[in-house]
N, C-alpha and C. Protein backbone atom coordinates (compact mmCIF):
# COMPACT_ATOMS: atom_id res chain seq x y z
N UNK A 1 89.78 -108.47 20.58
CA UNK A 1 89.07 -106.74 20.70
C UNK A 1 87.37 -107.46 21.24
N UNK A 2 86.99 -106.33 22.26
CA UNK A 2 85.71 -106.55 23.10
C UNK A 2 84.80 -105.93 22.23
N UNK A 3 84.04 -106.58 22.51
CA UNK A 3 82.63 -106.17 22.23
C UNK A 3 81.61 -105.82 23.37
N UNK A 4 80.96 -104.12 22.56
CA UNK A 4 80.47 -103.76 23.51
C UNK A 4 78.58 -104.22 23.76
N UNK A 5 78.16 -104.50 24.97
CA UNK A 5 77.01 -105.16 25.07
C UNK A 5 75.63 -103.87 24.23
N UNK A 6 74.53 -104.54 24.45
CA UNK A 6 73.71 -103.45 23.92
C UNK A 6 73.09 -102.42 24.89
N UNK A 7 73.12 -102.78 25.82
CA UNK A 7 73.05 -102.22 27.32
C UNK A 7 73.92 -100.60 27.08
N UNK A 8 74.83 -101.03 26.97
CA UNK A 8 75.60 -100.25 26.62
C UNK A 8 75.95 -99.52 25.68
N UNK A 9 75.35 -99.37 24.97
CA UNK A 9 75.20 -99.13 23.65
C UNK A 9 74.18 -97.65 23.93
N UNK A 10 72.85 -98.41 24.02
CA UNK A 10 71.73 -97.67 24.45
C UNK A 10 72.38 -96.58 25.60
N UNK A 11 73.05 -96.65 26.25
CA UNK A 11 73.36 -95.77 27.44
C UNK A 11 74.37 -94.82 26.35
N UNK A 12 75.18 -95.27 25.45
CA UNK A 12 75.84 -93.85 25.34
C UNK A 12 75.44 -93.42 24.41
N UNK A 13 74.22 -94.03 23.18
CA UNK A 13 73.26 -93.35 22.39
C UNK A 13 72.18 -93.04 23.00
N UNK A 14 72.11 -91.96 23.68
CA UNK A 14 70.85 -92.17 24.51
C UNK A 14 69.59 -91.61 22.99
N UNK A 15 67.95 -91.95 22.85
CA UNK A 15 67.19 -91.77 22.59
C UNK A 15 66.28 -90.82 23.00
N UNK A 16 66.10 -89.83 22.30
CA UNK A 16 65.25 -88.86 23.02
C UNK A 16 63.85 -89.20 22.47
N UNK A 17 62.92 -89.12 23.65
CA UNK A 17 61.31 -89.37 23.30
C UNK A 17 60.66 -88.81 22.35
N UNK A 18 59.79 -89.07 21.66
CA UNK A 18 59.21 -88.28 21.10
C UNK A 18 57.31 -88.42 21.19
N UNK A 19 56.78 -87.30 21.37
CA UNK A 19 55.35 -86.88 21.30
C UNK A 19 54.07 -87.74 20.59
N UNK A 20 53.24 -87.25 20.72
CA UNK A 20 52.53 -88.18 19.84
C UNK A 20 52.36 -87.54 18.26
N UNK A 21 53.01 -86.04 17.80
CA UNK A 21 53.49 -85.48 16.98
C UNK A 21 54.50 -86.01 15.99
N UNK A 22 55.46 -86.44 17.07
CA UNK A 22 56.71 -87.43 16.10
C UNK A 22 57.67 -86.28 16.53
N UNK A 23 57.56 -84.92 17.47
CA UNK A 23 58.71 -84.13 17.21
C UNK A 23 59.05 -83.99 18.93
N UNK A 24 60.32 -84.42 18.86
CA UNK A 24 60.95 -84.47 20.32
C UNK A 24 60.83 -82.97 20.85
N UNK A 25 60.41 -83.30 22.32
CA UNK A 25 60.22 -82.70 23.20
C UNK A 25 61.23 -81.44 23.63
N UNK A 26 63.01 -81.48 23.01
CA UNK A 26 63.75 -80.64 23.09
C UNK A 26 63.78 -79.61 21.91
N UNK A 27 63.07 -80.42 21.02
CA UNK A 27 62.60 -79.60 19.42
C UNK A 27 61.84 -78.41 19.18
N UNK A 28 61.20 -79.01 20.35
CA UNK A 28 59.91 -77.78 19.88
C UNK A 28 60.20 -76.77 20.32
N UNK A 29 59.16 -75.22 19.71
CA UNK A 29 59.80 -74.26 19.66
C UNK A 29 59.00 -73.84 20.25
N UNK A 30 59.33 -72.94 21.73
CA UNK A 30 58.33 -72.27 22.19
C UNK A 30 59.06 -70.83 21.79
N UNK A 31 57.57 -70.20 22.35
CA UNK A 31 57.09 -68.87 21.41
C UNK A 31 57.94 -67.72 22.57
N UNK A 32 58.45 -67.00 21.83
CA UNK A 32 59.55 -65.54 22.98
C UNK A 32 58.62 -64.62 23.68
N UNK A 33 58.74 -64.60 24.67
CA UNK A 33 57.85 -63.69 25.36
C UNK A 33 57.81 -62.50 25.07
N UNK A 34 59.03 -61.86 24.66
CA UNK A 34 58.45 -60.61 24.14
C UNK A 34 59.31 -60.44 22.38
N UNK A 35 57.89 -60.46 22.01
CA UNK A 35 58.31 -60.07 20.21
C UNK A 35 58.55 -58.98 19.67
N UNK A 36 59.58 -58.33 18.95
CA UNK A 36 59.56 -56.94 18.71
C UNK A 36 59.06 -56.89 17.14
N UNK A 37 58.71 -57.76 16.67
CA UNK A 37 58.25 -57.61 15.54
C UNK A 37 56.84 -57.07 15.18
N UNK A 38 57.26 -56.25 14.49
CA UNK A 38 56.21 -55.44 14.07
C UNK A 38 54.74 -56.79 13.55
N UNK A 39 53.76 -56.34 13.69
CA UNK A 39 52.56 -57.26 13.16
C UNK A 39 52.17 -58.54 14.36
N UNK A 40 53.18 -58.48 15.35
CA UNK A 40 53.22 -59.77 16.18
C UNK A 40 51.81 -59.93 16.85
N UNK A 41 51.40 -60.88 17.59
CA UNK A 41 50.30 -60.70 17.78
C UNK A 41 50.56 -61.08 19.65
N UNK A 42 51.82 -61.13 19.50
CA UNK A 42 52.14 -61.11 21.43
C UNK A 42 52.34 -59.97 21.83
N UNK A 43 51.91 -59.77 23.18
CA UNK A 43 51.93 -58.52 23.56
C UNK A 43 53.72 -57.53 23.62
N UNK A 44 53.54 -56.16 23.37
CA UNK A 44 54.86 -55.77 23.09
C UNK A 44 55.10 -55.41 24.23
N UNK A 45 56.77 -55.19 24.79
CA UNK A 45 56.72 -54.71 26.08
C UNK A 45 57.00 -53.30 25.97
N UNK A 46 56.67 -52.75 27.11
CA UNK A 46 56.15 -51.07 27.13
C UNK A 46 57.03 -50.26 26.71
N UNK A 47 58.24 -50.83 26.78
CA UNK A 47 59.54 -49.98 25.96
C UNK A 47 59.32 -49.79 24.79
N UNK A 48 58.97 -50.38 23.80
CA UNK A 48 58.45 -50.16 22.33
C UNK A 48 57.52 -49.07 22.48
N UNK A 49 56.79 -48.84 23.06
CA UNK A 49 55.58 -48.34 22.40
C UNK A 49 55.68 -47.00 22.82
N UNK A 50 55.26 -46.44 22.53
CA UNK A 50 55.06 -44.53 22.71
C UNK A 50 53.70 -44.39 23.44
N UNK A 51 53.60 -42.85 24.00
CA UNK A 51 52.22 -43.15 24.43
C UNK A 51 51.30 -42.60 23.89
N UNK A 52 51.23 -42.83 22.31
CA UNK A 52 50.28 -42.39 21.53
C UNK A 52 49.89 -43.96 20.87
N UNK A 53 50.08 -45.24 20.87
CA UNK A 53 49.68 -46.23 21.25
C UNK A 53 50.36 -46.67 19.82
N UNK A 54 51.35 -46.07 19.11
CA UNK A 54 52.37 -46.77 17.93
C UNK A 54 53.48 -47.51 18.01
N UNK A 55 53.84 -47.84 17.66
CA UNK A 55 55.19 -48.72 17.76
C UNK A 55 55.99 -47.76 17.46
N UNK A 56 57.17 -47.36 17.96
CA UNK A 56 58.48 -46.93 17.98
C UNK A 56 59.37 -47.25 17.01
N UNK A 57 59.13 -48.41 16.32
CA UNK A 57 59.46 -49.07 15.37
C UNK A 57 59.58 -49.00 14.11
N UNK A 58 58.06 -48.47 13.74
CA UNK A 58 57.40 -47.75 12.83
C UNK A 58 57.46 -46.54 12.73
N UNK A 59 58.44 -45.44 11.37
CA UNK A 59 58.34 -44.04 11.02
C UNK A 59 57.67 -44.00 10.21
N UNK A 60 57.21 -42.96 10.11
CA UNK A 60 56.12 -41.98 8.82
C UNK A 60 57.33 -41.65 7.69
N UNK A 61 57.37 -42.27 6.87
CA UNK A 61 57.93 -41.28 5.76
C UNK A 61 57.17 -41.90 4.63
N UNK A 62 57.71 -41.16 3.69
CA UNK A 62 56.89 -41.30 1.91
C UNK A 62 57.36 -42.26 1.08
N UNK A 63 57.10 -42.57 -0.01
CA UNK A 63 57.79 -42.90 -1.27
C UNK A 63 59.08 -42.69 -1.57
N UNK A 64 59.13 -41.35 -1.76
CA UNK A 64 60.22 -40.66 -1.86
C UNK A 64 61.40 -40.64 -0.83
N UNK A 65 60.88 -40.63 0.29
CA UNK A 65 62.26 -41.26 1.71
C UNK A 65 62.46 -42.54 1.57
N UNK A 66 61.73 -43.33 0.97
CA UNK A 66 62.34 -44.72 0.93
C UNK A 66 62.76 -45.33 -0.24
N UNK A 67 62.87 -44.95 -1.21
CA UNK A 67 63.76 -44.50 -2.14
C UNK A 67 65.08 -44.54 -1.92
N UNK A 68 65.35 -43.02 -1.01
CA UNK A 68 66.27 -42.82 -0.91
C UNK A 68 67.67 -42.95 0.46
N UNK A 69 66.25 -43.92 0.92
CA UNK A 69 66.58 -44.85 2.18
C UNK A 69 67.50 -46.05 1.07
N UNK A 70 67.13 -46.39 0.65
CA UNK A 70 67.52 -47.87 -0.66
C UNK A 70 69.03 -47.13 -0.41
N UNK A 71 69.00 -46.10 -1.76
CA UNK A 71 70.16 -45.63 -1.88
C UNK A 71 71.01 -45.13 -0.88
N UNK A 72 70.81 -45.05 -0.11
CA UNK A 72 71.89 -45.27 1.28
C UNK A 72 72.29 -46.23 1.71
N UNK A 73 71.75 -47.37 1.85
CA UNK A 73 71.96 -48.59 2.10
C UNK A 73 72.87 -49.24 1.16
N UNK A 74 72.74 -49.09 -0.04
CA UNK A 74 73.47 -49.53 -1.24
C UNK A 74 74.92 -49.01 -1.42
N UNK A 75 75.85 -49.65 -0.67
CA UNK A 75 76.93 -49.45 -0.41
C UNK A 75 78.26 -49.55 -1.93
N UNK A 76 77.19 -49.79 -3.48
CA UNK A 76 77.88 -49.57 -4.69
C UNK A 76 78.33 -48.44 -4.66
N UNK A 77 77.62 -47.23 -4.06
CA UNK A 77 78.33 -45.96 -4.53
C UNK A 77 79.14 -44.61 -3.23
N UNK A 78 79.39 -46.32 -2.31
CA UNK A 78 80.91 -45.59 -1.06
C UNK A 78 79.44 -45.44 -0.38
N UNK A 79 80.61 -45.23 1.20
CA UNK A 79 79.77 -45.20 2.36
C UNK A 79 79.02 -43.62 2.44
N UNK A 80 77.92 -43.09 3.34
CA UNK A 80 77.38 -42.23 3.32
C UNK A 80 77.39 -41.73 4.66
N UNK A 81 78.41 -42.17 5.81
CA UNK A 81 78.72 -41.55 6.85
C UNK A 81 79.51 -39.93 6.59
N UNK A 82 79.16 -39.31 7.23
CA UNK A 82 80.34 -37.78 7.38
C UNK A 82 79.51 -37.14 6.28
N UNK A 83 78.40 -37.39 5.41
CA UNK A 83 78.02 -36.03 3.63
C UNK A 83 76.30 -36.82 4.06
N UNK A 84 76.07 -35.39 3.24
CA UNK A 84 74.82 -35.53 2.67
C UNK A 84 74.35 -35.96 1.49
N UNK A 85 73.53 -36.38 1.30
CA UNK A 85 73.43 -37.12 0.26
C UNK A 85 73.35 -36.74 -1.07
N UNK A 86 73.24 -35.75 -1.89
CA UNK A 86 73.56 -34.75 -2.23
C UNK A 86 75.15 -34.93 -2.75
N UNK A 87 75.94 -34.82 -1.63
CA UNK A 87 77.37 -35.07 -1.52
C UNK A 87 77.62 -36.19 -2.30
N UNK A 88 77.21 -37.31 -1.48
CA UNK A 88 77.30 -38.61 -2.13
C UNK A 88 76.75 -39.13 -3.55
N UNK A 89 75.57 -38.45 -3.98
CA UNK A 89 75.54 -39.23 -5.36
C UNK A 89 76.11 -38.22 -6.35
N UNK A 90 77.11 -36.62 -5.68
CA UNK A 90 77.81 -36.19 -7.10
C UNK A 90 78.90 -37.00 -6.70
N UNK A 91 79.93 -37.48 -5.82
CA UNK A 91 80.72 -38.26 -5.61
C UNK A 91 80.65 -39.82 -7.01
N UNK A 92 79.53 -40.20 -6.47
CA UNK A 92 79.03 -41.22 -7.03
C UNK A 92 79.14 -41.08 -8.60
N UNK A 93 79.06 -39.84 -9.03
CA UNK A 93 78.78 -39.02 -10.81
C UNK A 93 80.30 -39.31 -11.02
N UNK A 94 80.81 -38.69 -9.91
CA UNK A 94 82.47 -38.58 -10.77
C UNK A 94 83.17 -39.36 -10.59
N UNK A 95 82.81 -40.01 -9.95
CA UNK A 95 83.46 -41.53 -9.85
C UNK A 95 82.76 -43.07 -10.51
N UNK A 96 81.95 -42.32 -11.58
CA UNK A 96 81.37 -42.90 -12.89
C UNK A 96 80.49 -44.48 -12.48
N UNK A 97 80.22 -44.23 -11.28
CA UNK A 97 79.82 -45.57 -10.48
C UNK A 97 78.09 -45.60 -11.05
N UNK A 98 77.68 -44.57 -12.00
CA UNK A 98 76.22 -44.72 -12.40
C UNK A 98 75.03 -44.70 -11.29
N UNK A 99 75.07 -43.76 -10.33
CA UNK A 99 73.79 -43.71 -9.16
C UNK A 99 72.35 -43.57 -10.10
N UNK A 100 71.29 -43.99 -9.73
CA UNK A 100 70.09 -43.75 -10.60
C UNK A 100 69.89 -42.13 -10.79
N UNK A 101 68.99 -41.93 -11.87
CA UNK A 101 68.68 -40.37 -12.03
C UNK A 101 67.88 -40.20 -11.17
N UNK A 102 67.07 -40.97 -10.92
CA UNK A 102 66.05 -40.48 -9.94
C UNK A 102 66.09 -40.04 -8.03
N UNK A 103 67.28 -40.61 -7.96
CA UNK A 103 67.57 -39.61 -6.61
C UNK A 103 68.47 -38.35 -6.93
N UNK A 104 69.07 -38.19 -8.47
CA UNK A 104 69.03 -36.74 -8.51
C UNK A 104 67.70 -35.96 -8.68
N UNK A 105 66.76 -36.71 -9.51
CA UNK A 105 65.63 -35.51 -9.22
C UNK A 105 65.36 -34.92 -7.90
N UNK A 106 65.31 -36.09 -6.75
CA UNK A 106 64.47 -36.28 -5.68
C UNK A 106 65.41 -35.38 -4.56
N UNK A 107 66.73 -35.07 -4.89
CA UNK A 107 67.45 -34.47 -4.07
C UNK A 107 67.30 -33.30 -4.76
N UNK A 108 67.05 -32.77 -6.00
CA UNK A 108 67.31 -31.54 -6.35
C UNK A 108 66.25 -31.18 -6.03
N UNK A 109 65.17 -31.42 -6.38
CA UNK A 109 63.54 -30.77 -6.31
C UNK A 109 63.17 -30.58 -4.66
N UNK A 110 64.23 -30.69 -3.95
CA UNK A 110 63.59 -30.29 -2.52
C UNK A 110 63.09 -31.19 -2.22
N UNK A 111 62.13 -30.79 -0.59
CA UNK A 111 61.31 -31.51 0.18
C UNK A 111 61.35 -32.78 0.28
N UNK A 112 62.92 -33.25 0.57
CA UNK A 112 63.23 -34.56 1.24
C UNK A 112 64.77 -34.07 2.16
N UNK A 113 65.04 -35.04 2.80
CA UNK A 113 65.77 -35.38 4.20
C UNK A 113 66.90 -35.25 3.38
N UNK A 114 67.96 -33.49 3.53
CA UNK A 114 69.27 -34.17 2.93
C UNK A 114 70.52 -34.82 3.54
N UNK A 115 70.10 -34.86 4.95
CA UNK A 115 71.37 -36.16 5.58
C UNK A 115 70.61 -37.58 5.18
N UNK A 116 71.63 -38.28 5.48
CA UNK A 116 71.91 -40.42 5.35
C UNK A 116 71.15 -40.72 6.28
N UNK A 117 70.58 -41.86 5.95
CA UNK A 117 69.85 -42.85 6.89
C UNK A 117 70.27 -42.14 8.46
N UNK A 118 72.00 -42.66 7.79
CA UNK A 118 72.12 -43.24 9.55
C UNK A 118 73.73 -41.68 10.09
N UNK A 119 72.39 -40.85 9.67
CA UNK A 119 73.30 -39.37 10.46
C UNK A 119 72.77 -39.42 11.47
N UNK A 120 73.25 -39.23 12.46
CA UNK A 120 72.79 -39.09 14.11
C UNK A 120 72.58 -40.55 14.55
N UNK A 121 72.70 -41.39 14.32
CA UNK A 121 72.74 -42.72 14.59
C UNK A 121 73.58 -43.42 14.71
N UNK A 122 75.14 -43.40 14.04
CA UNK A 122 75.86 -43.75 14.50
C UNK A 122 76.86 -43.49 15.24
């Protein structure tokens, strides 16, 4: 059985050199060019900025809409596409899935969007 010399092993398992911080050059994280994150201090691409200077990623809605959007995202009450929030809530009640009473009071109280979060987007 032949043994490999140390030169052959070094060329087979090449080590990456590290800089002074101990991080190899290939593992350094490079900053992204266009970060689309809200609150990022990197310049946003022009496509994400509206004429008013606000980001398109951020929509204005209140606490009630936030609660209803969480209801839309909760798949425990079944799919929400193709039906209103009220219909989905009533279906969940019929199926004894125990949807929150807060949702019912928001939906029956009015002044909220009756369509689900995904209406017109999918």
